[in-house]
C-alpha atoms as a PDB file:
ATOM      1  CA  UNK A   1       3.323   1.162  19.633  1.00  0.00           C
ATOM      2  CA  UNK A   2       3.752   3.206  16.544  1.00  0.00           C
ATOM      3  CA  UNK A   3       4.498   1.737  13.095  1.00  0.00           C
ATOM      4  CA  UNK A   4       7.566   3.046  11.431  1.00  0.00           C
ATOM      5  CA  UNK A   5       6.573   2.149   7.967  1.00  0.00           C
ATOM      6  CA  UNK A   6       3.737   0.465   6.092  1.00  0.00           C
ATOM      7  CA  UNK A   7       4.199  -1.690   2.941  1.00  0.00           C
ATOM      8  CA  UNK A   8       2.014  -3.397   0.540  1.00  0.00           C
ATOM      9  CA  UNK A   9       3.684  -6.261  -1.233  1.00  0.00           C
ATOM     10  CA  UNK A  10       2.675  -8.690  -4.008  1.00  0.00           C
ATOM     11  CA  UNK A  11       2.985 -12.440  -3.486  1.00  0.00           C
ATOM     12  CA  UNK A  12       6.654 -12.294  -4.604  1.00  0.00           C
ATOM     13  CA  UNK A  13       7.543  -9.780  -2.002  1.00  0.00           C
ATOM     14  CA  UNK A  14       7.845  -6.838  -4.452  1.00  0.00           C
ATOM     15  CA  UNK A  15       6.795  -3.576  -2.808  1.00  0.00           C
ATOM     16  CA  UNK A  16       3.848  -2.106  -4.610  1.00  0.00           C
ATOM     17  CA  UNK A  17       3.322   0.724  -2.100  1.00  0.00           C
ATOM     18  CA  UNK A  18       5.599   1.987   0.768  1.00  0.00           C
ATOM     19  CA  UNK A  19       5.011   4.670   3.285  1.00  0.00           C
ATOM     20  CA  UNK A  20       7.674   5.548   5.823  1.00  0.00           C
ATOM     21  CA  UNK A  21       6.068   7.447   8.766  1.00  0.00           C
ATOM     22  CA  UNK A  22       9.120   7.891  11.130  1.00  0.00           C
ATOM     23  CA  UNK A  23      12.206   7.194   9.256  1.00  0.00           C
ATOM     24  CA  UNK A  24      13.766   5.025  11.844  1.00  0.00           C
ATOM     25  CA  UNK A  25      13.443   1.829   9.662  1.00  0.00           C
ATOM     26  CA  UNK A  26      15.078   1.967   6.319  1.00  0.00           C
ATOM     27  CA  UNK A  27      12.857   1.046   3.300  1.00  0.00           C
ATOM     28  CA  UNK A  28      15.496  -1.509   2.315  1.00  0.00           C
ATOM     29  CA  UNK A  29      14.521  -3.634   5.408  1.00  0.00           C
ATOM     30  CA  UNK A  30      11.442  -5.029   3.555  1.00  0.00           C
ATOM     31  CA  UNK A  31      13.736  -7.055   1.430  1.00  0.00           C
ATOM     32  CA  UNK A  32      14.290  -9.446   4.355  1.00  0.00           C
ATOM     33  CA  UNK A  33      10.597 -10.017   4.879  1.00  0.00           C
ATOM     34  CA  UNK A  34       9.885 -12.616   2.109  1.00  0.00           C
ATOM     35  CA  UNK A  35      12.999 -14.630   2.954  1.00  0.00           C
ATOM     36  CA  UNK A  36      11.821 -14.814   6.533  1.00  0.00           C
ATOM     37  CA  UNK A  37       8.299 -15.926   5.497  1.00  0.00           C
ATOM     38  CA  UNK A  38       9.575 -18.606   3.186  1.00  0.00           C
ATOM     39  CA  UNK A  39      12.109 -19.763   5.656  1.00  0.00           C
ATOM     40  CA  UNK A  40       9.402 -20.039   8.529  1.00  0.00           C
ATOM     41  CA  UNK A  41       6.940 -21.759   6.132  1.00  0.00           C
ATOM     42  CA  UNK A  42       9.466 -24.460   5.449  1.00  0.00           C
ATOM     43  CA  UNK A  43      10.171 -25.004   9.137  1.00  0.00           C
ATOM     44  CA  UNK A  44       6.448 -24.932   9.796  1.00  0.00           C
ATOM     45  CA  UNK A  45       6.740 -22.147  12.307  1.00  0.00           C
ATOM     46  CA  UNK A  46       5.341 -19.190  10.465  1.00  0.00           C
ATOM     47  CA  UNK A  47       4.069 -16.522  12.943  1.00  0.00           C
ATOM     48  CA  UNK A  48       2.262 -13.150  12.403  1.00  0.00           C
ATOM     49  CA  UNK A  49       5.301 -11.239  13.808  1.00  0.00           C
ATOM     50  CA  UNK A  50       8.701 -11.860  12.291  1.00  0.00           C
ATOM     51  CA  UNK A  51      11.891 -10.216  13.378  1.00  0.00           C
ATOM     52  CA  UNK A  52      15.156  -9.509  11.465  1.00  0.00           C
ATOM     53  CA  UNK A  53      17.780  -7.852  13.559  1.00  0.00           C
ATOM     54  CA  UNK A  54      16.047  -5.013  15.531  1.00  0.00           C
ATOM     55  CA  UNK A  55      13.220  -4.656  13.092  1.00  0.00           C
ATOM     56  CA  UNK A  56       9.857  -6.325  13.643  1.00  0.00           C
ATOM     57  CA  UNK A  57       7.576  -7.175  10.801  1.00  0.00           C
ATOM     58  CA  UNK A  58       3.788  -7.232  11.618  1.00  0.00           C
ATOM     59  CA  UNK A  59       1.903  -8.662   8.689  1.00  0.00           C
ATOM     60  CA  UNK A  60      -1.335  -9.924   7.250  1.00  0.00           C
ATOM     61  CA  UNK A  61      -2.132 -11.523   3.945  1.00  0.00           C
ATOM     62  CA  UNK A  62      -5.237 -10.464   2.088  1.00  0.00           C
ATOM     63  CA  UNK A  63      -6.030 -12.006  -1.252  1.00  0.00           C
ATOM     64  CA  UNK A  64      -2.806 -11.844  -3.247  1.00  0.00           C
ATOM     65  CA  UNK A  65      -1.187  -9.028  -1.095  1.00  0.00           C
ATOM     66  CA  UNK A  66       0.859  -8.784   2.007  1.00  0.00           C
ATOM     67  CA  UNK A  67       0.325  -5.830   4.218  1.00  0.00           C
ATOM     68  CA  UNK A  68       3.323  -5.277   6.426  1.00  0.00           C
ATOM     69  CA  UNK A  69       3.985  -2.735   9.117  1.00  0.00           C
ATOM     70  CA  UNK A  70       7.519  -2.473  10.512  1.00  0.00           C
ATOM     71  CA  UNK A  71       8.789  -1.045  13.797  1.00  0.00           C
ATOM     72  CA  UNK A  72      11.812  -1.232  16.041  1.00  0.00           C
ATOM     73  CA  UNK A  73       9.938  -0.715  19.265  1.00  0.00           C
ATOM     74  CA  UNK A  74       7.953  -3.116  21.517  1.00  0.00           C
ATOM     75  CA  UNK A  75       4.378  -2.128  22.171  1.00  0.00           C
ATOM     76  CA  UNK A  76       0.769  -2.924  21.442  1.00  0.00           C
ATOM     77  CA  UNK A  77       0.912  -5.340  18.446  1.00  0.00           C
ATOM     78  CA  UNK A  78      -2.928  -5.723  18.527  1.00  0.00           C
ATOM     79  CA  UNK A  79      -3.303  -2.110  17.716  1.00  0.00           C
ATOM     80  CA  UNK A  80      -1.240  -2.504  14.703  1.00  0.00           C
ATOM     81  CA  UNK A  81      -2.992  -5.656  13.529  1.00  0.00           C
ATOM     82  CA  UNK A  82      -6.479  -4.047  14.025  1.00  0.00           C
ATOM     83  CA  UNK A  83      -5.129  -0.995  12.027  1.00  0.00           C
ATOM     84  CA  UNK A  84      -3.935  -3.393   9.199  1.00  0.00           C
ATOM     85  CA  UNK A  85      -7.303  -5.010   8.979  1.00  0.00           C
ATOM     86  CA  UNK A  86      -9.126  -1.461   9.116  1.00  0.00           C
ATOM     87  CA  UNK A  87      -6.781  -0.592   6.062  1.00  0.00           C
ATOM     88  CA  UNK A  88      -8.054  -3.529   4.193  1.00  0.00           C
ATOM     89  CA  UNK A  89     -11.621  -2.616   5.060  1.00  0.00           C
ATOM     90  CA  UNK A  90     -11.198   1.089   3.900  1.00  0.00           C
ATOM     91  CA  UNK A  91      -9.419   0.015   0.604  1.00  0.00           C
ATOM     92  CA  UNK A  92     -12.296  -2.480  -0.076  1.00  0.00           C
ATOM     93  CA  UNK A  93     -14.782   0.257   0.412  1.00  0.00           C
ATOM     94  CA  UNK A  94     -12.944   2.610  -2.003  1.00  0.00           C
ATOM     95  CA  UNK A  95     -11.858   0.049  -4.757  1.00  0.00           C
ATOM     96  CA  UNK A  96     -14.544  -2.674  -4.256  1.00  0.00           C
ATOM     97  CA  UNK A  97     -11.901  -5.417  -4.042  1.00  0.00           C
ATOM     98  CA  UNK A  98      -8.356  -5.145  -2.748  1.00  0.00           C
ATOM     99  CA  UNK A  99      -5.991  -6.825  -5.235  1.00  0.00           C
ATOM    100  CA  UNK A 100      -2.776  -5.977  -6.816  1.00  0.00           C
ATOM    101  CA  UNK A 101      -4.410  -4.455  -9.898  1.00  0.00           C
ATOM    102  CA  UNK A 102      -6.666  -2.173  -7.800  1.00  0.00           C
ATOM    103  CA  UNK A 103      -3.569  -0.890  -5.952  1.00  0.00           C
ATOM    104  CA  UNK A 104      -1.613  -0.237  -9.160  1.00  0.00           C
ATOM    105  CA  UNK A 105      -4.708   1.461 -10.721  1.00  0.00           C
ATOM    106  CA  UNK A 106      -5.231   3.710  -7.683  1.00  0.00           C
ATOM    107  CA  UNK A 107      -1.882   4.353  -6.262  1.00  0.00           C
ATOM    108  CA  UNK A 108      -2.406   8.082  -5.883  1.00  0.00           C
ATOM    109  CA  UNK A 109      -5.640   7.446  -3.748  1.00  0.00           C
ATOM    110  CA  UNK A 110      -3.774   4.693  -1.883  1.00  0.00           C
ATOM    111  CA  UNK A 111      -1.014   7.212  -0.785  1.00  0.00           C
ATOM    112  CA  UNK A 112      -3.657   9.876   0.160  1.00  0.00           C
ATOM    113  CA  UNK A 113      -5.507   7.280   2.294  1.00  0.00           C
ATOM    114  CA  UNK A 114      -2.280   6.146   4.000  1.00  0.00           C
ATOM    115  CA  UNK A 115      -1.480   9.759   4.835  1.00  0.00           C
ATOM    116  CA  UNK A 116      -4.927  10.267   6.440  1.00  0.00           C
ATOM    117  CA  UNK A 117      -5.108   6.823   8.078  1.00  0.00           C
ATOM    118  CA  UNK A 118      -1.894   7.180   9.992  1.00  0.00           C
ATOM    119  CA  UNK A 119       0.116  10.124  11.126  1.00  0.00           C
ATOM    120  CA  UNK A 120       3.812   9.625  12.413  1.00  0.00           C
ATOM    121  CA  UNK A 121       3.156   6.047  12.855  1.00  0.00           C
ATOM    122  CA  UNK A 122      -0.017   6.259  14.975  1.00  0.00           C
ATOM    123  CA  UNK A 123      -3.405   5.426  13.585  1.00  0.00           C
ATOM    124  CA  UNK A 124      -5.672   8.554  13.106  1.00  0.00           C
ATOM    125  CA  UNK A 125      -8.795   8.575  11.002  1.00  0.00           C
ATOM    126  CA  UNK A 126     -10.013   5.086  10.201  1.00  0.00           C
ATOM    127  CA  UNK A 127     -13.691   5.671   9.510  1.00  0.00           C
ATOM    128  CA  UNK A 128     -14.261   5.372   5.813  1.00  0.00           C
ATOM    129  CA  UNK A 129     -17.157   7.819   5.762  1.00  0.00           C
ATOM    130  CA  UNK A 130     -14.956  10.554   7.342  1.00  0.00           C
ATOM    131  CA  UNK A 131     -12.180   9.627   4.853  1.00  0.00           C
ATOM    132  CA  UNK A 132     -14.506  10.115   1.852  1.00  0.00           C
ATOM    133  CA  UNK A 133     -15.114  13.676   3.028  1.00  0.00           C
ATOM    134  CA  UNK A 134     -11.370  14.412   2.894  1.00  0.00           C
ATOM    135  CA  UNK A 135     -10.514  12.321  -0.104  1.00  0.00           C
ATOM    136  CA  UNK A 136     -13.022  13.114  -2.744  1.00  0.00           C
ATOM    137  CA  UNK A 137     -11.492  11.263  -5.701  1.00  0.00           C
ATOM    138  CA  UNK A 138     -13.254   8.269  -6.973  1.00  0.00           C
ATOM    139  CA  UNK A 139     -11.265   5.086  -7.058  1.00  0.00           C
ATOM    140  CA  UNK A 140     -11.261   2.805 -10.034  1.00  0.00           C
ATOM    141  CA  UNK A 141     -13.572  -0.029  -8.988  1.00  0.00           C
ATOM    142  CA  UNK A 142     -12.188  -3.329 -10.044  1.00  0.00           C
ATOM    143  CA  UNK A 143     -14.712  -5.426 -12.031  1.00  0.00           C
ATOM    144  CA  UNK A 144     -14.173  -9.085 -11.544  1.00  0.00           C
ATOM    145  CA  UNK A 145     -17.072 -10.438 -13.611  1.00  0.00           C
ATOM    146  CA  UNK A 146     -15.484  -9.732 -17.044  1.00  0.00           C
ATOM    147  CA  UNK A 147     -12.796 -11.907 -18.661  1.00  0.00           C
ATOM    148  CA  UNK A 148     -10.013  -9.730 -19.744  1.00  0.00           C
ATOM    149  CA  UNK A 149      -7.699 -10.296 -22.661  1.00  0.00           C
ATOM    150  CA  UNK A 150      -4.163  -9.296 -21.528  1.00  0.00           C
ATOM    151  CA  UNK A 151      -2.900  -6.109 -23.249  1.00  0.00           C
ATOM    152  CA  UNK A 152       0.217  -7.828 -24.384  1.00  0.00           C
ATOM    153  CA  UNK A 153      -1.955 -10.010 -26.687  1.00  0.00           C
ATOM    154  CA  UNK A 154      -3.860  -7.160 -28.202  1.00  0.00           C
ATOM    155  CA  UNK A 155      -1.007  -4.550 -28.081  1.00  0.00           C
ATOM    156  CA  UNK A 156      -3.669  -2.085 -26.808  1.00  0.00           C
ATOM    157  CA  UNK A 157      -2.710   0.764 -24.646  1.00  0.00           C
ATOM    158  CA  UNK A 158      -5.215   0.598 -21.678  1.00  0.00           C
ATOM    159  CA  UNK A 159      -5.266   4.388 -21.021  1.00  0.00           C
ATOM    160  CA  UNK A 160      -5.713   5.767 -24.597  1.00  0.00           C
ATOM    161  CA  UNK A 161      -8.782   5.458 -26.782  1.00  0.00           C
ATOM    162  CA  UNK A 162      -8.304   4.039 -30.267  1.00  0.00           C
ATOM    163  CA  UNK A 163      -8.338   6.191 -33.335  1.00  0.00           C
ATOM    164  CA  UNK A 164      -7.423   9.578 -31.763  1.00  0.00           C
ATOM    165  CA  UNK A 165      -4.869  11.540 -33.754  1.00  0.00           C
ATOM    166  CA  UNK A 166      -3.195  14.839 -32.654  1.00  0.00           C
ATOM    167  CA  UNK A 167      -1.250  17.335 -34.685  1.00  0.00           C
ATOM    168  CA  UNK A 168       1.164  17.914 -31.737  1.00  0.00           C
ATOM    169  CA  UNK A 169       2.191  15.433 -28.980  1.00  0.00           C
ATOM    170  CA  UNK A 170       2.491  17.457 -25.723  1.00  0.00           C
ATOM    171  CA  UNK A 171       2.899  16.623 -22.084  1.00  0.00           C
ATOM    172  CA  UNK A 172       2.155  18.986 -19.280  1.00  0.00           C
ATOM    173  CA  UNK A 173       3.578  18.340 -15.891  1.00  0.00           C
ATOM    174  CA  UNK A 174       2.832  20.148 -12.678  1.00  0.00           C
ATOM    175  CA  UNK A 175       5.630  20.063 -10.317  1.00  0.00           C
ATOM    176  CA  UNK A 176       4.665  21.065  -6.733  1.00  0.00           C
ATOM    177  CA  UNK A 177       7.315  21.240  -4.165  1.00  0.00           C
ATOM    178  CA  UNK A 178       6.957  21.775  -0.493  1.00  0.00           C
ATOM    179  CA  UNK A 179       9.455  22.088   2.356  1.00  0.00           C
ATOM    180  CA  UNK A 180       8.648  21.301   5.991  1.00  0.00           C
ATOM    181  CA  UNK A 181      11.151  23.031   8.449  1.00  0.00           C
ATOM    182  CA  UNK A 182      11.464  22.859  12.153  1.00  0.00           C
ATOM    183  CA  UNK A 183      13.873  25.371  13.738  1.00  0.00           C
ATOM    184  CA  UNK A 184      14.729  24.972  17.345  1.00  0.00           C
END
């Protein structure tokens, strides 16, 4: 069974990361997921596989995140679940802890990892040691021991050191485009 798309959601059901591998399930389908979870919780019949129309949601909850794989086909669900748990394991090795903040701080690495972990919906390279050879960027490790004051209280900008002044404010953006084409 191939997963059509993979989503990482926060506790409210808002997508933090989405990766569509096959394109047969629309990215808007994930909006039905939290409604199904809440409905089934109220009924006391929450299952690890939820269905809305023809779309199947295979999901796990880790800390304050939902990892959801979607598909329209029947197949080996245990493969998808073992893959989701392997994704959690790989992310924990890269970011120390898998939480909403670590996903937001490392979204570029998360997308690179998702591209290497799965190809066209089929699990590929799931060994973290091999992945570290391909993806050489260091992730921002989340430190949980420190108490943090919210930046809204201090009005501090998290990515900019204080006291730096520039004569010119400039932004440089590299735009890289690629086109994949298959001619039959």
